[in-house]
Amino acid sequence: VTKRGENWYCTCVCEIEKEPRFEHGTEQIGIDPGYKTWLTLSTGEKIDIDRAAHERNMRRMAQAQRGGNKRLAEKLHGRMTRRITHRQKEVVNSLCSRASLIAFSADNVRGLQKMFGKSVRLASHAGLRTRLERKCRTGGVQFVAVPSRFSTKTCSACGCLSGPSGFSGLAVREWTCAECGTRQDRDVNAALNTLLLGQKVLASIPGNALNVQGDTTHAAGPHA
């Protein structure tokens, strides 16, 4: 029996039947996690969280902490954590039900947390990635986490390193490739590069059943 925040939890060990596999889809999806937009998919879709509700909770929690109301602060923290967890489950179930392959850009979370602090904790990308990988394994969806290096500055259409880089480049959300002239959305381009690399990684594994018909990556998004 343990207490977490305002709630008490009882942990029991029991035997259950193996969770049955669900029916997954056929899409191949690359995911670029971010802090301006929570998740960007290689299909061009952008998924966010309820930032307004989080900011309200953060203000109330700061007031409770300054006033020495530890119990209220714990209550608000627990509420915020449950909201993020619920949103993660919604997104994971949605992605796994439509995909046969998911490639996730694995950032250095500890390093980013030192630079961006609360934004990294709010996004909780590490927890999301763990939950997504576990769900994929249960449902037979192929999952691969790939390095995020150069995923933003590499043009997904021609492979040229012409995109924005460094801290000064964080404000650049759209750019045009100097080599091929393709107009790129920063986050969608990174998601497409993540999918490309994930396909290469899985295709290099002997006996892997990955089936990439034609250039599916470039056909996936409107900015490729």
Protein backbone atom coordinates (compact mmCIF):
# COMPACT_ATOMS: atom_id res chain seq x y z
CA VAL A 1 0.00 0.00 0.00
CA THR A 2 1.52 3.32 -1.07
CA LYS A 3 0.50 6.95 -1.14
CA ARG A 4 1.09 9.03 -4.26
CA GLY A 5 0.10 12.64 -3.92
CA GLU A 6 -3.38 12.79 -2.47
CA ASN A 7 -4.34 9.18 -3.28
CA TRP A 8 -3.63 5.77 -1.75
CA TYR A 9 -2.89 2.77 -3.99
CA CYS A 10 -2.96 -0.95 -3.21
CA THR A 11 -0.77 -3.17 -5.40
CA CYS A 12 -1.83 -6.81 -5.85
CA VAL A 13 -0.16 -9.61 -7.81
CA CYS A 14 -2.44 -11.98 -9.73
CA GLU A 15 -2.46 -14.21 -12.79
CA ILE A 16 -4.47 -13.07 -15.82
CA GLU A 17 -4.93 -14.32 -19.35
CA LYS A 18 -2.63 -12.87 -21.97
CA GLU A 19 -4.08 -9.70 -23.46
CA PRO A 20 -5.43 -10.47 -26.95
CA ARG A 21 -4.03 -8.68 -29.95
CA PHE A 22 -6.11 -5.91 -31.45
CA GLU A 23 -6.69 -5.27 -35.14
CA HIS A 24 -4.09 -2.78 -36.30
CA GLY A 25 -4.04 -0.79 -39.54
CA THR A 26 -1.65 -0.63 -42.49
CA GLU A 27 -0.21 2.89 -42.29
CA GLN A 28 3.49 3.56 -41.77
CA ILE A 29 3.86 6.57 -39.48
CA GLY A 30 6.84 8.63 -38.40
CA ILE A 31 6.49 10.69 -35.20
CA ASP A 32 8.43 13.82 -34.32
CA PRO A 33 7.88 14.84 -30.65
CA GLY A 34 8.12 18.54 -29.87
CA TYR A 35 7.29 21.26 -27.38
CA LYS A 36 5.57 23.85 -29.54
CA THR A 37 3.42 21.02 -30.95
CA TRP A 38 3.31 17.86 -28.83
CA LEU A 39 3.46 15.33 -31.68
CA THR A 40 3.76 15.76 -35.44
CA LEU A 41 3.08 12.83 -37.76
CA SER A 42 4.60 12.12 -41.16
CA THR A 43 1.05 12.32 -42.57
CA GLY A 44 1.03 16.05 -41.77
CA GLU A 45 -1.20 15.71 -38.70
CA LYS A 46 -0.33 17.63 -35.54
CA ILE A 47 -1.48 16.46 -32.10
CA ASP A 48 -1.40 18.68 -29.02
CA ILE A 49 -2.37 18.50 -25.36
CA ASP A 50 -4.64 20.76 -23.30
CA ARG A 51 -2.06 23.43 -22.49
CA ALA A 52 -4.62 25.91 -21.15
CA ALA A 53 -5.81 23.46 -18.47
CA HIS A 54 -2.21 22.65 -17.56
CA GLU A 55 -1.30 26.33 -17.21
CA ARG A 56 -4.32 26.91 -14.94
CA ASN A 57 -3.25 23.98 -12.75
CA MET A 58 0.34 25.24 -12.65
CA ARG A 59 -0.76 28.71 -11.48
CA ARG A 60 -3.00 27.25 -8.78
CA MET A 61 -0.27 24.83 -7.70
CA ALA A 62 2.26 27.69 -7.44
CA GLN A 63 -0.19 29.66 -5.29
CA ALA A 64 -0.74 26.64 -3.04
CA GLN A 65 3.00 26.11 -2.65
CA ARG A 66 3.62 29.77 -1.80
CA GLY A 67 0.79 29.63 0.74
CA GLY A 68 2.18 26.46 2.32
CA ASN A 69 -0.88 24.39 1.39
CA LYS A 70 0.94 21.14 0.71
CA ARG A 71 -2.22 19.04 0.49
CA LEU A 72 -3.77 21.21 -2.25
CA ALA A 73 -0.47 21.27 -4.17
CA GLU A 74 -0.35 17.46 -4.13
CA LYS A 75 -3.97 17.28 -5.27
CA LEU A 76 -3.35 19.59 -8.23
CA HIS A 77 -0.17 17.74 -9.18
CA GLY A 78 -2.03 14.43 -9.17
CA ARG A 79 -4.83 15.90 -11.29
CA MET A 80 -2.30 17.19 -13.83
CA THR A 81 -0.55 13.83 -14.01
CA ARG A 82 -3.81 11.96 -14.56
CA ARG A 83 -4.81 14.34 -17.35
CA ILE A 84 -1.50 13.79 -19.18
CA THR A 85 -1.74 10.01 -18.72
CA HIS A 86 -5.30 9.96 -20.07
CA ARG A 87 -4.24 11.97 -23.14
CA GLN A 88 -1.30 9.63 -23.74
CA LYS A 89 -3.59 6.58 -23.68
CA GLU A 90 -5.98 8.20 -26.16
CA VAL A 91 -3.21 9.00 -28.63
CA VAL A 92 -1.45 5.62 -28.27
CA ASN A 93 -4.67 3.68 -28.89
CA SER A 94 -5.51 5.83 -31.91
CA LEU A 95 -2.05 5.44 -33.50
CA CYS A 96 -1.79 1.69 -32.91
CA SER A 97 -5.25 1.04 -34.36
CA ARG A 98 -4.26 2.58 -37.71
CA ALA A 99 -0.57 1.70 -38.13
CA SER A 100 1.51 -1.32 -39.05
CA LEU A 101 4.80 0.54 -38.45
CA ILE A 102 5.57 3.41 -36.08
CA ALA A 103 8.95 5.15 -36.09
CA PHE A 104 9.56 7.46 -33.12
CA SER A 105 12.27 10.13 -32.95
CA ALA A 106 14.18 9.46 -29.72
CA ASP A 107 15.46 12.74 -28.27
CA ASN A 108 17.89 13.17 -25.39
CA VAL A 109 15.19 13.90 -22.79
CA ARG A 110 17.56 14.59 -19.88
CA GLY A 111 19.58 17.09 -21.89
CA LEU A 112 16.45 18.83 -23.15
CA GLN A 113 14.99 19.03 -19.64
CA LYS A 114 18.04 20.98 -18.48
CA MET A 115 17.47 23.51 -21.27
CA PHE A 116 13.67 23.75 -21.41
CA GLY A 117 12.55 22.59 -17.95
CA LYS A 118 8.76 22.57 -17.46
CA SER A 119 7.98 22.18 -21.17
CA VAL A 120 9.78 18.81 -21.22
CA ARG A 121 8.01 17.58 -18.09
CA LEU A 122 4.64 18.60 -19.50
CA ALA A 123 5.26 16.77 -22.79
CA SER A 124 6.39 13.58 -20.99
CA HIS A 125 7.72 12.13 -24.25
CA ALA A 126 9.72 9.41 -22.51
CA GLY A 127 6.59 8.04 -20.82
CA LEU A 128 4.64 8.30 -24.06
CA ARG A 129 7.33 6.40 -25.97
CA THR A 130 7.35 3.60 -23.37
CA ARG A 131 3.56 3.32 -23.45
CA LEU A 132 3.51 3.35 -27.27
CA GLU A 133 6.21 0.69 -27.54
CA ARG A 134 4.37 -1.59 -25.10
CA LYS A 135 1.07 -1.19 -26.95
CA CYS A 136 2.74 -1.90 -30.31
CA ARG A 137 4.31 -5.06 -28.92
CA THR A 138 0.92 -6.24 -27.66
CA GLY A 139 -0.85 -5.58 -30.95
CA GLY A 140 1.80 -6.76 -33.41
CA VAL A 141 2.65 -3.26 -34.68
CA GLN A 142 6.31 -2.76 -35.60
CA PHE A 143 7.90 -0.05 -33.46
CA VAL A 144 11.36 1.48 -33.80
CA ALA A 145 12.97 4.41 -31.98
CA VAL A 146 15.56 6.17 -34.12
CA PRO A 147 18.11 8.94 -33.40
CA SER A 148 16.81 12.46 -33.96
CA ARG A 149 20.13 13.88 -35.18
CA PHE A 150 19.77 16.00 -38.36
CA SER A 151 16.08 15.06 -38.70
CA THR A 152 15.09 18.74 -38.75
CA LYS A 153 17.75 20.17 -41.05
CA THR A 154 17.69 17.31 -43.59
CA CYS A 155 15.32 17.83 -46.52
CA SER A 156 13.06 14.78 -46.72
CA ALA A 157 12.70 15.24 -50.50
CA CYS A 158 16.38 15.26 -51.54
CA GLY A 159 18.44 14.60 -48.39
CA CYS A 160 20.28 17.94 -48.49
CA LEU A 161 21.30 19.45 -45.12
CA SER A 162 19.75 22.84 -45.84
CA GLY A 163 17.27 23.24 -42.97
CA PRO A 164 17.48 25.40 -39.81
CA SER A 165 19.79 24.35 -37.00
CA GLY A 166 20.92 25.53 -33.57
CA PHE A 167 19.04 27.68 -31.05
CA SER A 168 18.62 30.49 -33.57
CA GLY A 169 16.83 28.08 -35.90
CA LEU A 170 14.14 27.10 -33.37
CA ALA A 171 11.99 30.04 -34.45
CA VAL A 172 12.02 28.91 -38.09
CA ARG A 173 8.89 26.79 -38.58
CA GLU A 174 8.94 26.63 -42.39
CA TRP A 175 11.84 26.74 -44.83
CA THR A 176 12.69 26.14 -48.47
CA CYS A 177 15.37 23.63 -49.45
CA ALA A 178 18.28 25.38 -51.17
CA GLU A 179 19.00 22.29 -53.26
CA CYS A 180 15.62 21.16 -54.65
CA GLY A 181 13.38 24.14 -53.79
CA THR A 182 10.85 22.09 -51.79
CA ARG A 183 8.90 24.07 -49.21
CA GLN A 184 9.09 22.22 -45.89
CA ASP A 185 7.19 22.39 -42.62
CA ARG A 186 9.83 21.98 -39.93
CA ASP A 187 8.02 19.35 -37.84
CA VAL A 188 6.42 17.39 -40.69
CA ASN A 189 9.79 17.20 -42.44
CA ALA A 190 11.39 15.82 -39.27
CA ALA A 191 8.61 13.23 -38.95
CA LEU A 192 9.13 12.15 -42.57
CA ASN A 193 12.87 11.75 -41.98
CA THR A 194 12.12 9.73 -38.85
CA LEU A 195 9.92 7.38 -40.88
CA LEU A 196 12.59 7.07 -43.59
CA LEU A 197 15.23 6.11 -41.05
CA GLY A 198 12.87 3.73 -39.25
CA GLN A 199 12.13 1.93 -42.52
CA LYS A 200 15.85 1.59 -43.22
CA VAL A 201 16.57 0.24 -39.75
CA LEU A 202 13.83 -2.38 -39.92
CA ALA A 203 14.65 -3.35 -43.52
CA SER A 204 18.27 -4.02 -42.49
CA ILE A 205 17.19 -6.64 -39.91
CA PRO A 206 17.50 -10.17 -41.40
CA GLY A 207 14.12 -11.88 -41.72
CA ASN A 208 12.14 -8.75 -40.97
CA ALA A 209 8.73 -8.67 -42.61
CA LEU A 210 8.70 -4.93 -43.38
CA ASN A 211 7.13 -4.35 -46.76
CA VAL A 212 7.82 -0.93 -48.23
CA GLN A 213 6.11 -0.62 -51.60
CA GLY A 214 7.66 2.13 -53.63
CA ASP A 215 8.55 5.45 -52.02
CA THR A 216 5.85 5.40 -49.34
CA THR A 217 7.62 7.93 -47.15
CA HIS A 218 7.51 10.78 -49.65
CA ALA A 219 3.90 9.99 -50.48
CA ALA A 220 2.91 10.15 -46.84
CA GLY A 221 2.86 13.88 -46.28
CA PRO A 222 1.87 16.98 -48.18
CA HIS A 223 5.22 18.69 -47.63
CA ALA A 224 7.48 15.97 -49.05
